[in-house]
Amino acid sequence: YTPELSDTVSAFVTGGVFPIDEIQSSDTNKAKSKWLVGGQ
């Protein structure tokens, strides 16, 4: 989102969800999928 605050000033807001390593969990593999949740 990039709103304009005035003729010379603007802002930006960015947010997202990004998978890093998808892992199929099970009884013998208890690791969970790795994610990045980021905002700026």
Full PDB file with SEQRES, HELIX, SHEET, SSBOND, CRYST1, ORIGX, SCALE, CONECT and MASTER records, all heavy atoms in Angstrom:
SEQRES   1 A   40  TYR THR PRO GLU LEU SER ASP THR VAL SER ALA PHE VAL          
SEQRES   2 A   40  THR GLY GLY VAL PHE PRO ILE ASP GLU ILE GLN SER SER          
SEQRES   3 A   40  ASP THR ASN LYS ALA LYS SER LYS TRP LEU VAL GLY GLY          
SEQRES   4 A   40  GLN                                                          
SHEET    1 AA1 2 GLY A  15  ASP A  21  0                                        
SHEET    2 AA1 2 LYS A  34  GLY A  39 -1                                        
CRYST1    1.000    1.000    1.000  90.00  90.00  90.00 P 1           1          
ORIGX1      1.000000  0.000000  0.000000        0.00000                         
ORIGX2      0.000000  1.000000  0.000000        0.00000                         
ORIGX3      0.000000  0.000000  1.000000        0.00000                         
SCALE1      1.000000  0.000000  0.000000        0.00000                         
SCALE2      0.000000  1.000000  0.000000        0.00000                         
SCALE3      0.000000  0.000000  1.000000        0.00000                         
ATOM      1  N   TYR A   1       0.856  -1.182   0.000  1.00  0.00           N  
ATOM      2  CA  TYR A   1       0.000   0.000   0.000  1.00  0.00           C  
ATOM      3  C   TYR A   1       0.895   1.236   0.000  1.00  0.00           C  
ATOM      4  O   TYR A   1       1.813   1.346   0.824  1.00  0.00           O  
ATOM      5  CB  TYR A   1      -0.909  -0.012   1.222  1.00  0.00           C  
ATOM      6  CG  TYR A   1      -1.822   1.194   1.338  1.00  0.00           C  
ATOM      7  CD1 TYR A   1      -2.659   1.558   0.286  1.00  0.00           C  
ATOM      8  CD2 TYR A   1      -1.856   1.950   2.510  1.00  0.00           C  
ATOM      9  CE1 TYR A   1      -3.499   2.653   0.390  1.00  0.00           C  
ATOM     10  CE2 TYR A   1      -2.706   3.053   2.623  1.00  0.00           C  
ATOM     11  CZ  TYR A   1      -3.518   3.392   1.553  1.00  0.00           C  
ATOM     12  OH  TYR A   1      -4.353   4.477   1.649  1.00  0.00           O  
ATOM     13  N   THR A   2       0.658   2.175  -0.933  1.00  0.00           N  
ATOM     14  CA  THR A   2       1.538   3.337  -1.098  1.00  0.00           C  
ATOM     15  C   THR A   2       0.718   4.629  -1.104  1.00  0.00           C  
ATOM     16  O   THR A   2       0.511   5.240  -2.157  1.00  0.00           O  
ATOM     17  CB  THR A   2       2.344   3.226  -2.400  1.00  0.00           C  
ATOM     18  OG1 THR A   2       1.419   3.070  -3.500  1.00  0.00           O  
ATOM     19  CG2 THR A   2       3.280   2.036  -2.372  1.00  0.00           C  
ATOM     20  N   PRO A   3       0.250   5.090   0.057  1.00  0.00           N  
ATOM     21  CA  PRO A   3      -0.557   6.330   0.106  1.00  0.00           C  
ATOM     22  C   PRO A   3       0.311   7.578  -0.071  1.00  0.00           C  
ATOM     23  O   PRO A   3       1.489   7.601   0.312  1.00  0.00           O  
ATOM     24  CB  PRO A   3      -1.172   6.280   1.503  1.00  0.00           C  
ATOM     25  CG  PRO A   3      -0.171   5.514   2.311  1.00  0.00           C  
ATOM     26  CD  PRO A   3       0.405   4.485   1.376  1.00  0.00           C  
ATOM     27  N   GLU A   4      -0.275   8.625  -0.656  1.00  0.00           N  
ATOM     28  CA  GLU A   4       0.376   9.917  -0.771  1.00  0.00           C  
ATOM     29  C   GLU A   4      -0.098  10.799   0.384  1.00  0.00           C  
ATOM     30  O   GLU A   4      -1.290  11.023   0.547  1.00  0.00           O  
ATOM     31  CB  GLU A   4       0.040  10.581  -2.103  1.00  0.00           C  
ATOM     32  CG  GLU A   4       0.795  10.017  -3.282  1.00  0.00           C  
ATOM     33  CD  GLU A   4       0.560  10.845  -4.548  1.00  0.00           C  
ATOM     34  OE1 GLU A   4      -0.288  11.747  -4.492  1.00  0.00           O  
ATOM     35  OE2 GLU A   4       1.211  10.566  -5.558  1.00  0.00           O  
ATOM     36  N   LEU A   5       0.855  11.310   1.166  1.00  0.00           N  
ATOM     37  CA  LEU A   5       0.513  12.142   2.310  1.00  0.00           C  
ATOM     38  C   LEU A   5       0.478  13.620   1.943  1.00  0.00           C  
ATOM     39  O   LEU A   5      -0.223  14.400   2.583  1.00  0.00           O  
ATOM     40  CB  LEU A   5       1.505  11.898   3.444  1.00  0.00           C  
ATOM     41  CG  LEU A   5       1.664  10.430   3.869  1.00  0.00           C  
ATOM     42  CD1 LEU A   5       2.649  10.309   5.009  1.00  0.00           C  
ATOM     43  CD2 LEU A   5       0.324   9.825   4.244  1.00  0.00           C  
ATOM     44  N   SER A   6       1.262  14.012   0.932  1.00  0.00           N  
ATOM     45  CA  SER A   6       1.258  15.382   0.433  1.00  0.00           C  
ATOM     46  C   SER A   6       1.926  15.370  -0.933  1.00  0.00           C  
ATOM     47  O   SER A   6       2.249  14.306  -1.477  1.00  0.00           O  
ATOM     48  CB  SER A   6       1.993  16.315   1.397  1.00  0.00           C  
ATOM     49  OG  SER A   6       3.393  16.050   1.383  1.00  0.00           O  
ATOM     50  N   ASP A   7       2.164  16.553  -1.478  1.00  0.00           N  
ATOM     51  CA  ASP A   7       2.809  16.627  -2.790  1.00  0.00           C  
ATOM     52  C   ASP A   7       4.238  16.109  -2.760  1.00  0.00           C  
ATOM     53  O   ASP A   7       4.758  15.663  -3.776  1.00  0.00           O  
ATOM     54  CB  ASP A   7       2.808  18.073  -3.295  1.00  0.00           C  
ATOM     55  CG  ASP A   7       1.413  18.569  -3.619  1.00  0.00           C  
ATOM     56  OD1 ASP A   7       0.525  17.714  -3.818  1.00  0.00           O  
ATOM     57  OD2 ASP A   7       1.207  19.804  -3.648  1.00  0.00           O  
ATOM     58  N   THR A   8       4.889  16.174  -1.618  1.00  0.00           N  
ATOM     59  CA  THR A   8       6.290  15.771  -1.519  1.00  0.00           C  
ATOM     60  C   THR A   8       6.525  14.548  -0.632  1.00  0.00           C  
ATOM     61  O   THR A   8       7.628  14.027  -0.592  1.00  0.00           O  
ATOM     62  CB  THR A   8       7.146  16.935  -0.970  1.00  0.00           C  
ATOM     63  OG1 THR A   8       6.639  17.322   0.315  1.00  0.00           O  
ATOM     64  CG2 THR A   8       7.097  18.122  -1.929  1.00  0.00           C  
ATOM     65  N   VAL A   9       5.502  14.110   0.089  1.00  0.00           N  
ATOM     66  CA  VAL A   9       5.667  13.016   1.047  1.00  0.00           C  
ATOM     67  C   VAL A   9       4.715  11.877   0.710  1.00  0.00           C  
ATOM     68  O   VAL A   9       3.527  12.092   0.466  1.00  0.00           O  
ATOM     69  CB  VAL A   9       5.418  13.494   2.498  1.00  0.00           C  
ATOM     70  CG1 VAL A   9       5.611  12.335   3.473  1.00  0.00           C  
ATOM     71  CG2 VAL A   9       6.347  14.641   2.854  1.00  0.00           C  
ATOM     72  N   SER A  10       5.261  10.664   0.683  1.00  0.00           N  
ATOM     73  CA  SER A  10       4.450   9.459   0.473  1.00  0.00           C  
ATOM     74  C   SER A  10       4.912   8.381   1.454  1.00  0.00           C  
ATOM     75  O   SER A  10       5.997   8.468   2.030  1.00  0.00           O  
ATOM     76  CB  SER A  10       4.581   8.953  -0.966  1.00  0.00           C  
ATOM     77  OG  SER A  10       5.925   8.612  -1.261  1.00  0.00           O  
ATOM     78  N   ALA A  11       4.085   7.392   1.633  1.00  0.00           N  
ATOM     79  CA  ALA A  11       4.397   6.299   2.553  1.00  0.00           C  
ATOM     80  C   ALA A  11       4.267   4.973   1.826  1.00  0.00           C  
ATOM     81  O   ALA A  11       3.733   4.897   0.710  1.00  0.00           O  
ATOM     82  CB  ALA A  11       3.465   6.336   3.765  1.00  0.00           C  
ATOM     83  N   PHE A  12       4.776   3.918   2.429  1.00  0.00           N  
ATOM     84  CA  PHE A  12       4.605   2.580   1.877  1.00  0.00           C  
ATOM     85  C   PHE A  12       4.556   1.565   3.013  1.00  0.00           C  
ATOM     86  O   PHE A  12       5.276   1.667   4.003  1.00  0.00           O  
ATOM     87  CB  PHE A  12       5.726   2.241   0.884  1.00  0.00           C  
ATOM     88  CG  PHE A  12       7.128   2.379   1.431  1.00  0.00           C  
ATOM     89  CD1 PHE A  12       7.799   1.287   1.965  1.00  0.00           C  
ATOM     90  CD2 PHE A  12       7.774   3.596   1.390  1.00  0.00           C  
ATOM     91  CE1 PHE A  12       9.086   1.415   2.461  1.00  0.00           C  
ATOM     92  CE2 PHE A  12       9.064   3.739   1.878  1.00  0.00           C  
ATOM     93  CZ  PHE A  12       9.731   2.650   2.412  1.00  0.00           C  
ATOM     94  N   VAL A  13       3.659   0.614   2.851  1.00  0.00           N  
ATOM     95  CA  VAL A  13       3.488  -0.463   3.818  1.00  0.00           C  
ATOM     96  C   VAL A  13       3.451  -1.773   3.041  1.00  0.00           C  
ATOM     97  O   VAL A  13       2.663  -1.929   2.103  1.00  0.00           O  
ATOM     98  CB  VAL A  13       2.186  -0.304   4.639  1.00  0.00           C  
ATOM     99  CG1 VAL A  13       2.047  -1.450   5.629  1.00  0.00           C  
ATOM    100  CG2 VAL A  13       2.164   1.039   5.360  1.00  0.00           C  
ATOM    101  N   THR A  14       4.324  -2.713   3.420  1.00  0.00           N  
ATOM    102  CA  THR A  14       4.421  -4.001   2.723  1.00  0.00           C  
ATOM    103  C   THR A  14       4.335  -5.121   3.746  1.00  0.00           C  
ATOM    104  O   THR A  14       4.991  -5.073   4.794  1.00  0.00           O  
ATOM    105  CB  THR A  14       5.756  -4.116   1.960  1.00  0.00           C  
ATOM    106  OG1 THR A  14       5.905  -3.003   1.098  1.00  0.00           O  
ATOM    107  CG2 THR A  14       5.794  -5.400   1.147  1.00  0.00           C  
ATOM    108  N   GLY A  15       3.541  -6.133   3.455  1.00  0.00           N  
ATOM    109  CA  GLY A  15       3.437  -7.293   4.333  1.00  0.00           C  
ATOM    110  C   GLY A  15       3.209  -8.556   3.534  1.00  0.00           C  
ATOM    111  O   GLY A  15       2.511  -8.528   2.512  1.00  0.00           O  
ATOM    112  N   GLY A  16       3.844  -9.656   3.961  1.00  0.00           N  
ATOM    113  CA  GLY A  16       3.685 -10.892   3.202  1.00  0.00           C  
ATOM    114  C   GLY A  16       4.030 -12.135   3.988  1.00  0.00           C  
ATOM    115  O   GLY A  16       4.589 -12.076   5.093  1.00  0.00           O  
ATOM    116  N   VAL A  17       3.670 -13.269   3.400  1.00  0.00           N  
ATOM    117  CA  VAL A  17       3.953 -14.589   3.960  1.00  0.00           C  
ATOM    118  C   VAL A  17       4.690 -15.383   2.891  1.00  0.00           C  
ATOM    119  O   VAL A  17       4.227 -15.470   1.742  1.00  0.00           O  
ATOM    120  CB  VAL A  17       2.660 -15.315   4.379  1.00  0.00           C  
ATOM    121  CG1 VAL A  17       2.982 -16.695   4.946  1.00  0.00           C  
ATOM    122  CG2 VAL A  17       1.889 -14.483   5.391  1.00  0.00           C  
ATOM    123  N   PHE A  18       5.836 -16.004   3.283  1.00  0.00           N  
ATOM    124  CA  PHE A  18       6.703 -16.640   2.305  1.00  0.00           C  
ATOM    125  C   PHE A  18       7.166 -18.012   2.820  1.00  0.00           C  
ATOM    126  O   PHE A  18       7.847 -18.091   3.852  1.00  0.00           O  
ATOM    127  CB  PHE A  18       7.929 -15.759   2.040  1.00  0.00           C  
ATOM    128  CG  PHE A  18       7.591 -14.320   1.762  1.00  0.00           C  
ATOM    129  CD1 PHE A  18       7.557 -13.381   2.795  1.00  0.00           C  
ATOM    130  CD2 PHE A  18       7.275 -13.904   0.476  1.00  0.00           C  
ATOM    131  CE1 PHE A  18       7.239 -12.056   2.553  1.00  0.00           C  
ATOM    132  CE2 PHE A  18       6.945 -12.580   0.219  1.00  0.00           C  
ATOM    133  CZ  PHE A  18       6.929 -11.655   1.265  1.00  0.00           C  
ATOM    134  N   PRO A  19       6.810 -19.098   2.142  1.00  0.00           N  
ATOM    135  CA  PRO A  19       7.309 -20.421   2.546  1.00  0.00           C  
ATOM    136  C   PRO A  19       8.798 -20.557   2.227  1.00  0.00           C  
ATOM    137  O   PRO A  19       9.246 -20.172   1.153  1.00  0.00           O  
ATOM    138  CB  PRO A  19       6.464 -21.382   1.708  1.00  0.00           C  
ATOM    139  CG  PRO A  19       6.037 -20.585   0.517  1.00  0.00           C  
ATOM    140  CD  PRO A  19       5.903 -19.168   0.976  1.00  0.00           C  
ATOM    141  N   ILE A  20       9.561 -21.103   3.153  1.00  0.00           N  
ATOM    142  CA  ILE A  20      10.999 -21.307   2.965  1.00  0.00           C  
ATOM    143  C   ILE A  20      11.316 -22.765   2.664  1.00  0.00           C  
ATOM    144  O   ILE A  20      12.056 -23.070   1.733  1.00  0.00           O  
ATOM    145  CB  ILE A  20      11.780 -20.850   4.219  1.00  0.00           C  
ATOM    146  CG1 ILE A  20      11.584 -19.343   4.430  1.00  0.00           C  
ATOM    147  CG2 ILE A  20      13.262 -21.180   4.093  1.00  0.00           C  
ATOM    148  CD1 ILE A  20      12.200 -18.832   5.717  1.00  0.00           C  
ATOM    149  N   ASP A  21      10.759 -23.668   3.470  1.00  0.00           N  
ATOM    150  CA  ASP A  21      11.022 -25.100   3.290  1.00  0.00           C  
ATOM    151  C   ASP A  21       9.777 -25.868   3.722  1.00  0.00           C  
ATOM    152  O   ASP A  21       9.458 -25.928   4.918  1.00  0.00           O  
ATOM    153  CB  ASP A  21      12.244 -25.515   4.122  1.00  0.00           C  
ATOM    154  CG  ASP A  21      12.686 -26.942   3.852  1.00  0.00           C  
ATOM    155  OD1 ASP A  21      12.134 -27.582   2.938  1.00  0.00           O  
ATOM    156  OD2 ASP A  21      13.599 -27.426   4.564  1.00  0.00           O  
ATOM    157  N   GLU A  22       9.047 -26.424   2.757  1.00  0.00           N  
ATOM    158  CA  GLU A  22       7.819 -27.163   3.057  1.00  0.00           C  
ATOM    159  C   GLU A  22       8.182 -28.577   3.481  1.00  0.00           C  
ATOM    160  O   GLU A  22       8.878 -29.302   2.779  1.00  0.00           O  
ATOM    161  CB  GLU A  22       6.911 -27.187   1.832  1.00  0.00           C  
ATOM    162  CG  GLU A  22       5.471 -27.564   2.122  1.00  0.00           C  
ATOM    163  CD  GLU A  22       5.267 -29.067   2.246  1.00  0.00           C  
ATOM    164  OE1 GLU A  22       5.978 -29.812   1.551  1.00  0.00           O  
ATOM    165  OE2 GLU A  22       4.396 -29.488   3.028  1.00  0.00           O  
ATOM    166  N   ILE A  23       7.712 -28.975   4.667  1.00  0.00           N  
ATOM    167  CA  ILE A  23       8.054 -30.281   5.245  1.00  0.00           C  
ATOM    168  C   ILE A  23       6.768 -31.039   5.563  1.00  0.00           C  
ATOM    169  O   ILE A  23       5.841 -30.489   6.179  1.00  0.00           O  
ATOM    170  CB  ILE A  23       8.896 -30.114   6.522  1.00  0.00           C  
ATOM    171  CG1 ILE A  23      10.238 -29.439   6.188  1.00  0.00           C  
ATOM    172  CG2 ILE A  23       9.144 -31.454   7.199  1.00  0.00           C  
ATOM    173  CD1 ILE A  23      11.049 -29.061   7.397  1.00  0.00           C  
ATOM    174  N   GLN A  24       6.720 -32.283   5.137  1.00  0.00           N  
ATOM    175  CA  GLN A  24       5.581 -33.144   5.446  1.00  0.00           C  
ATOM    176  C   GLN A  24       5.803 -33.797   6.806  1.00  0.00           C  
ATOM    177  O   GLN A  24       6.613 -34.709   6.959  1.00  0.00           O  
ATOM    178  CB  GLN A  24       5.410 -34.216   4.370  1.00  0.00           C  
ATOM    179  CG  GLN A  24       4.273 -35.192   4.632  1.00  0.00           C  
ATOM    180  CD  GLN A  24       2.918 -34.517   4.679  1.00  0.00           C  
ATOM    181  OE1 GLN A  24       2.514 -33.887   3.714  1.00  0.00           O  
ATOM    182  NE2 GLN A  24       2.219 -34.636   5.787  1.00  0.00           N  
ATOM    183  N   SER A  25       5.094 -33.311   7.820  1.00  0.00           N  
ATOM    184  CA  SER A  25       5.269 -33.837   9.176  1.00  0.00           C  
ATOM    185  C   SER A  25       4.580 -35.186   9.326  1.00  0.00           C  
ATOM    186  O   SER A  25       3.579 -35.489   8.656  1.00  0.00           O  
ATOM    187  CB  SER A  25       4.699 -32.852  10.203  1.00  0.00           C  
ATOM    188  OG  SER A  25       5.357 -31.613  10.119  1.00  0.00           O  
ATOM    189  N   SER A  26       5.127 -36.012  10.216  1.00  0.00           N  
ATOM    190  CA  SER A  26       4.560 -37.345  10.486  1.00  0.00           C  
ATOM    191  C   SER A  26       5.038 -37.799  11.865  1.00  0.00           C  
ATOM    192  O   SER A  26       5.748 -37.074  12.566  1.00  0.00           O  
ATOM    193  CB  SER A  26       5.003 -38.340   9.407  1.00  0.00           C  
ATOM    194  OG  SER A  26       6.408 -38.541   9.465  1.00  0.00           O  
ATOM    195  N   ASP A  27       4.677 -39.027  12.249  1.00  0.00           N  
ATOM    196  CA  ASP A  27       5.110 -39.552  13.542  1.00  0.00           C  
ATOM    197  C   ASP A  27       6.624 -39.731  13.600  1.00  0.00           C  
ATOM    198  O   ASP A  27       7.231 -39.636  14.669  1.00  0.00           O  
ATOM    199  CB  ASP A  27       4.422 -40.895  13.823  1.00  0.00           C  
ATOM    200  CG  ASP A  27       2.932 -40.727  14.050  1.00  0.00           C  
ATOM    201  OD1 ASP A  27       2.521 -39.598  14.400  1.00  0.00           O  
ATOM    202  OD2 ASP A  27       2.185 -41.702  13.875  1.00  0.00           O  
ATOM    203  N   THR A  28       7.227 -40.005  12.442  1.00  0.00           N  
ATOM    204  CA  THR A  28       8.673 -40.218  12.407  1.00  0.00           C  
ATOM    205  C   THR A  28       9.445 -38.971  11.969  1.00  0.00           C  
ATOM    206  O   THR A  28      10.667 -38.961  11.971  1.00  0.00           O  
ATOM    207  CB  THR A  28       9.018 -41.372  11.450  1.00  0.00           C  
ATOM    208  OG1 THR A  28       8.513 -41.071  10.143  1.00  0.00           O  
ATOM    209  CG2 THR A  28       8.403 -42.681  11.946  1.00  0.00           C  
ATOM    210  N   ASN A  29       8.721 -37.946  11.584  1.00  0.00           N  
ATOM    211  CA  ASN A  29       9.356 -36.692  11.202  1.00  0.00           C  
ATOM    212  C   ASN A  29       8.529 -35.549  11.809  1.00  0.00           C  
ATOM    213  O   ASN A  29       7.534 -35.116  11.238  1.00  0.00           O  
ATOM    214  CB  ASN A  29       9.431 -36.546   9.685  1.00  0.00           C  
ATOM    215  CG  ASN A  29      10.199 -35.311   9.255  1.00  0.00           C  
ATOM    216  OD1 ASN A  29      10.802 -34.622  10.079  1.00  0.00           O  
ATOM    217  ND2 ASN A  29      10.178 -35.025   7.975  1.00  0.00           N  
ATOM    218  N   LYS A  30       8.973 -35.079  12.968  1.00  0.00           N  
ATOM    219  CA  LYS A  30       8.204 -34.097  13.722  1.00  0.00           C  
ATOM    220  C   LYS A  30       8.577 -32.650  13.392  1.00  0.00           C  
ATOM    221  O   LYS A  30       8.051 -31.722  14.010  1.00  0.00           O  
ATOM    222  CB  LYS A  30       8.381 -34.351  15.219  1.00  0.00           C  
ATOM    223  CG  LYS A  30       7.841 -35.711  15.659  1.00  0.00           C  
ATOM    224  CD  LYS A  30       8.050 -35.941  17.146  1.00  0.00           C  
ATOM    225  CE  LYS A  30       7.525 -37.323  17.558  1.00  0.00           C  
ATOM    226  NZ  LYS A  30       7.738 -37.567  19.019  1.00  0.00           N  
ATOM    227  N   ALA A  31       9.467 -32.471  12.451  1.00  0.00           N  
ATOM    228  CA  ALA A  31       9.827 -31.118  12.034  1.00  0.00           C  
ATOM    229  C   ALA A  31       8.639 -30.456  11.355  1.00  0.00           C  
ATOM    230  O   ALA A  31       7.789 -31.111  10.741  1.00  0.00           O  
ATOM    231  CB  ALA A  31      11.018 -31.166  11.088  1.00  0.00           C  
ATOM    232  N   LYS A  32       8.577 -29.133  11.455  1.00  0.00           N  
ATOM    233  CA  LYS A  32       7.494 -28.367  10.863  1.00  0.00           C  
ATOM    234  C   LYS A  32       8.005 -27.527   9.688  1.00  0.00           C  
ATOM    235  O   LYS A  32       9.186 -27.214   9.602  1.00  0.00           O  
ATOM    236  CB  LYS A  32       6.871 -27.443  11.918  1.00  0.00           C  
ATOM    237  CG  LYS A  32       6.231 -28.196  13.082  1.00  0.00           C  
ATOM    238  CD  LYS A  32       5.625 -27.217  14.082  1.00  0.00           C  
ATOM    239  CE  LYS A  32       4.983 -27.959  15.255  1.00  0.00           C  
ATOM    240  NZ  LYS A  32       4.402 -27.005  16.253  1.00  0.00           N  
ATOM    241  N   SER A  33       7.086 -27.176   8.806  1.00  0.00           N  
ATOM    242  CA  SER A  33       7.458 -26.344   7.663  1.00  0.00           C  
ATOM    243  C   SER A  33       8.008 -25.008   8.141  1.00  0.00           C  
ATOM    244  O   SER A  33       7.585 -24.465   9.168  1.00  0.00           O  
ATOM    245  CB  SER A  33       6.244 -26.108   6.759  1.00  0.00           C  
ATOM    246  OG  SER A  33       5.812 -27.322   6.178  1.00  0.00           O  
ATOM    247  N   LYS A  34       8.961 -24.469   7.356  1.00  0.00           N  
ATOM    248  CA  LYS A  34       9.642 -23.226   7.725  1.00  0.00           C  
ATOM    249  C   LYS A  34       9.066 -22.079   6.899  1.00  0.00           C  
ATOM    250  O   LYS A  34       8.928 -22.183   5.680  1.00  0.00           O  
ATOM    251  CB  LYS A  34      11.142 -23.374   7.494  1.00  0.00           C  
ATOM    252  CG  LYS A  34      11.729 -24.539   8.284  1.00  0.00           C  
ATOM    253  CD  LYS A  34      13.171 -24.851   7.908  1.00  0.00           C  
ATOM    254  CE  LYS A  34      13.665 -26.084   8.635  1.00  0.00           C  
ATOM    255  NZ  LYS A  34      15.058 -26.440   8.301  1.00  0.00           N  
ATOM    256  N   TRP A  35       8.763 -20.988   7.599  1.00  0.00           N  
ATOM    257  CA  TRP A  35       8.105 -19.859   6.967  1.00  0.00           C  
ATOM    258  C   TRP A  35       8.797 -18.551   7.333  1.00  0.00           C  
ATOM    259  O   TRP A  35       9.462 -18.450   8.360  1.00  0.00           O  
ATOM    260  CB  TRP A  35       6.636 -19.756   7.420  1.00  0.00           C  
ATOM    261  CG  TRP A  35       5.764 -20.861   6.971  1.00  0.00           C  
ATOM    262  CD1 TRP A  35       5.646 -22.117   7.525  1.00  0.00           C  
ATOM    263  CD2 TRP A  35       4.858 -20.841   5.862  1.00  0.00           C  
ATOM    264  NE1 TRP A  35       4.734 -22.863   6.846  1.00  0.00           N  
ATOM    265  CE2 TRP A  35       4.231 -22.115   5.806  1.00  0.00           C  
ATOM    266  CE3 TRP A  35       4.514 -19.891   4.916  1.00  0.00           C  
ATOM    267  CZ2 TRP A  35       3.284 -22.431   4.851  1.00  0.00           C  
ATOM    268  CZ3 TRP A  35       3.566 -20.201   3.965  1.00  0.00           C  
ATOM    269  CH2 TRP A  35       2.959 -21.469   3.930  1.00  0.00           C  
ATOM    270  N   LEU A  36       8.597 -17.552   6.498  1.00  0.00           N  
ATOM    271  CA  LEU A  36       8.958 -16.176   6.804  1.00  0.00           C  
ATOM    272  C   LEU A  36       7.692 -15.343   6.761  1.00  0.00           C  
ATOM    273  O   LEU A  36       6.974 -15.333   5.758  1.00  0.00           O  
ATOM    274  CB  LEU A  36       9.973 -15.630   5.794  1.00  0.00           C  
ATOM    275  CG  LEU A  36      10.156 -14.106   5.770  1.00  0.00           C  
ATOM    276  CD1 LEU A  36      10.675 -13.589   7.104  1.00  0.00           C  
ATOM    277  CD2 LEU A  36      11.067 -13.680   4.618  1.00  0.00           C  
ATOM    278  N   VAL A  37       7.410 -14.650   7.859  1.00  0.00           N  
ATOM    279  CA  VAL A  37       6.327 -13.678   7.917  1.00  0.00           C  
ATOM    280  C   VAL A  37       6.986 -12.320   8.099  1.00  0.00           C  
ATOM    281  O   VAL A  37       7.671 -12.085   9.109  1.00  0.00           O  
ATOM    282  CB  VAL A  37       5.348 -13.968   9.068  1.00  0.00           C  
ATOM    283  CG1 VAL A  37       4.238 -12.913   9.104  1.00  0.00           C  
ATOM    284  CG2 VAL A  37       4.754 -15.368   8.920  1.00  0.00           C  
ATOM    285  N   GLY A  38       6.827 -11.445   7.116  1.00  0.00           N  
ATOM    286  CA  GLY A  38       7.549 -10.179   7.143  1.00  0.00           C  
ATOM    287  C   GLY A  38       6.673  -8.976   6.885  1.00  0.00           C  
ATOM    288  O   GLY A  38       5.672  -9.056   6.166  1.00  0.00           O  
ATOM    289  N   GLY A  39       7.062  -7.863   7.459  1.00  0.00           N  
ATOM    290  CA  GLY A  39       6.349  -6.610   7.241  1.00  0.00           C  
ATOM    291  C   GLY A  39       7.302  -5.436   7.314  1.00  0.00           C  
ATOM    292  O   GLY A  39       8.326  -5.480   8.017  1.00  0.00           O  
ATOM    293  N   GLN A  40       6.988  -4.380   6.574  1.00  0.00           N  
ATOM    294  CA  GLN A  40       7.826  -3.185   6.553  1.00  0.00           C  
ATOM    295  C   GLN A  40       6.946  -1.961   6.338  1.00  0.00           C  
ATOM    296  O   GLN A  40       5.997  -1.993   5.546  1.00  0.00           O  
ATOM    297  CB  GLN A  40       8.869  -3.282   5.435  1.00  0.00           C  
ATOM    298  CG  GLN A  40       9.855  -2.119   5.403  1.00  0.00           C  
ATOM    299  CD  GLN A  40      10.824  -2.211   4.231  1.00  0.00           C  
ATOM    300  OE1 GLN A  40      10.399  -2.175   3.074  1.00  0.00           O  
ATOM    301  NE2 GLN A  40      12.108  -2.343   4.519  1.00  0.00           N  
TER     302      GLN A  40                                                      
MASTER        0    0    0    0    2    0    0    6  301    1    0    4          
END                                                                             
